[in-house]
Amino acid sequence: MKKTLIAVILIFISWNIIDILVHGLLLKSTYESTAHLWRPEAEMMMGLLNLVKLFTVILFIYIYKTLVHPKNLFNAIKYAALIGLLVGIPMGFATYSFQPIPINLAWSWLVSVVGSYLVAGIFIGKLID
């Protein structure tokens, strides 16, 4: 249980750091040029976003613990890559199909989501038995 809690904390923190780097720095100009598509910063619900992120981390770990066997770094990274694609493809390209975001934003979301999940995969591969 202790290792699971450590994994939850590490993944949650790492995903927040990645989000700050990707969305706050790397994609800042893209978001500014498409500001009409997003809520104003004052209306963004960061508390809800963090709650959703925490729930996602817990579910990601729970699925790994219950369905992935044997538990090792290779299987954790493989699992994380698949989940990253499962989440990242619709996040980027389903959104692109109905909302006028630039194609580079769709690709950026896909790559950053897969990268975030790969980082999570390393943590669970090292911590979860």
Protein backbone atom coordinates (compact mmCIF):
# COMPACT_ATOMS: atom_id res chain seq x y z
CA MET A 1 0.00 0.00 0.00
CA LYS A 2 2.87 2.36 0.82
CA LYS A 3 4.47 1.86 -2.61
CA THR A 4 1.12 2.42 -4.28
CA LEU A 5 0.65 5.71 -2.42
CA ILE A 6 4.17 6.78 -3.39
CA ALA A 7 3.38 5.92 -7.03
CA VAL A 8 0.16 7.97 -6.90
CA ILE A 9 2.02 10.98 -5.52
CA LEU A 10 4.95 10.71 -7.94
CA ILE A 11 2.75 10.29 -11.00
CA PHE A 12 0.42 13.12 -9.97
CA ILE A 13 3.37 15.48 -9.41
CA SER A 14 5.14 14.43 -12.61
CA TRP A 15 1.98 14.90 -14.68
CA ASN A 16 1.55 18.39 -13.24
CA ILE A 17 5.16 19.27 -14.07
CA ILE A 18 4.75 17.92 -17.61
CA ASP A 19 1.51 19.88 -17.99
CA ILE A 20 3.20 23.10 -16.88
CA LEU A 21 6.07 22.55 -19.33
CA VAL A 22 3.89 21.49 -22.27
CA HIS A 23 0.80 23.65 -21.86
CA GLY A 24 2.27 26.58 -19.94
CA LEU A 25 5.46 26.97 -21.96
CA LEU A 26 5.73 24.95 -25.18
CA LEU A 27 2.15 25.42 -26.38
CA LYS A 28 1.55 28.87 -24.87
CA SER A 29 1.67 30.69 -28.21
CA THR A 30 -0.66 28.13 -29.80
CA TYR A 31 -3.18 28.60 -27.00
CA GLU A 32 -2.88 32.38 -27.28
CA SER A 33 -3.53 32.26 -31.03
CA THR A 34 -6.62 30.10 -30.45
CA ALA A 35 -7.85 31.90 -27.32
CA HIS A 36 -11.39 32.09 -28.72
CA LEU A 37 -11.64 28.29 -28.30
CA TRP A 38 -10.87 28.19 -24.58
CA ARG A 39 -12.30 29.46 -21.32
CA PRO A 40 -10.63 32.60 -20.00
CA GLU A 41 -8.00 31.74 -17.42
CA ALA A 42 -10.19 33.13 -14.62
CA GLU A 43 -12.95 30.65 -15.55
CA MET A 44 -10.72 27.57 -15.76
CA MET A 45 -11.59 25.02 -13.10
CA MET A 46 -8.16 23.91 -11.91
CA GLY A 47 -9.57 22.18 -8.85
CA LEU A 48 -11.75 19.97 -11.02
CA LEU A 49 -8.85 19.35 -13.40
CA ASN A 50 -6.65 18.18 -10.52
CA LEU A 51 -9.43 15.97 -9.14
CA VAL A 52 -9.87 14.34 -12.55
CA LYS A 53 -6.10 13.91 -12.85
CA LEU A 54 -5.88 12.29 -9.40
CA PHE A 55 -8.76 9.92 -10.20
CA THR A 56 -7.06 9.02 -13.50
CA VAL A 57 -3.77 8.25 -11.73
CA ILE A 58 -5.53 6.02 -9.20
CA LEU A 59 -7.47 4.19 -11.92
CA PHE A 60 -4.31 3.79 -14.05
CA ILE A 61 -2.52 2.16 -11.11
CA TYR A 62 -5.52 0.03 -10.12
CA ILE A 63 -5.86 -1.39 -13.64
CA TYR A 64 -2.14 -2.16 -13.73
CA LYS A 65 -2.24 -3.86 -10.32
CA THR A 66 -5.26 -6.00 -11.16
CA LEU A 67 -4.77 -6.85 -14.85
CA VAL A 68 -1.07 -6.77 -15.76
CA HIS A 69 0.98 -9.90 -15.05
CA PRO A 70 3.85 -10.36 -14.49
CA LYS A 71 4.62 -7.00 -12.98
CA ASN A 72 7.92 -5.72 -14.27
CA LEU A 73 9.32 -2.59 -15.87
CA PHE A 74 8.88 -3.85 -19.44
CA ASN A 75 5.20 -4.73 -18.95
CA ALA A 76 4.57 -1.48 -17.08
CA ILE A 77 6.02 0.58 -19.93
CA LYS A 78 4.12 -1.45 -22.53
CA TYR A 79 0.89 -0.97 -20.55
CA ALA A 80 1.58 2.75 -20.14
CA ALA A 81 2.29 3.21 -23.86
CA LEU A 82 -0.98 1.50 -24.81
CA ILE A 83 -3.01 3.53 -22.31
CA GLY A 84 -1.24 6.69 -23.47
CA LEU A 85 -2.27 5.97 -27.06
CA LEU A 86 -5.78 5.06 -25.94
CA VAL A 87 -6.14 8.43 -24.21
CA GLY A 88 -3.98 10.60 -26.47
CA ILE A 89 -5.39 9.69 -29.88
CA PRO A 90 -8.96 10.74 -29.12
CA MET A 91 -7.79 13.70 -27.05
CA GLY A 92 -5.89 15.08 -30.01
CA PHE A 93 -7.62 13.82 -33.10
CA ALA A 94 -11.23 13.41 -32.02
CA THR A 95 -11.01 16.99 -30.78
CA TYR A 96 -9.42 18.04 -34.10
CA SER A 97 -12.29 16.40 -35.98
CA PHE A 98 -14.96 18.66 -34.43
CA GLN A 99 -13.15 21.68 -33.02
CA PRO A 100 -11.00 24.02 -35.15
CA ILE A 101 -7.72 23.42 -33.33
CA PRO A 102 -4.46 23.45 -35.32
CA ILE A 103 -3.19 20.01 -36.35
CA ASN A 104 0.07 20.65 -34.49
CA LEU A 105 -1.96 20.96 -31.29
CA ALA A 106 -3.57 17.57 -31.88
CA TRP A 107 -0.13 16.02 -32.41
CA SER A 108 1.29 17.85 -29.40
CA TRP A 109 -1.48 16.55 -27.17
CA LEU A 110 -0.94 12.99 -28.40
CA VAL A 111 2.82 13.12 -27.86
CA SER A 112 2.56 14.77 -24.44
CA VAL A 113 -0.09 12.32 -23.24
CA VAL A 114 1.92 9.29 -24.37
CA GLY A 115 5.02 10.81 -22.76
CA SER A 116 3.15 11.43 -19.51
CA TYR A 117 1.92 7.86 -19.41
CA LEU A 118 5.40 6.51 -20.17
CA VAL A 119 6.74 8.43 -17.16
CA ALA A 120 3.92 6.91 -15.10
CA GLY A 121 4.81 3.48 -16.48
CA ILE A 122 8.37 3.85 -15.24
CA PHE A 123 7.11 4.73 -11.76
CA ILE A 124 4.70 1.80 -11.53
CA GLY A 125 7.25 -0.56 -13.07
CA LYS A 126 9.74 0.34 -10.36
CA LEU A 127 7.31 0.58 -7.43
CA ILE A 128 4.38 -1.81 -7.89
CA ASP A 129 4.95 -5.53 -7.24
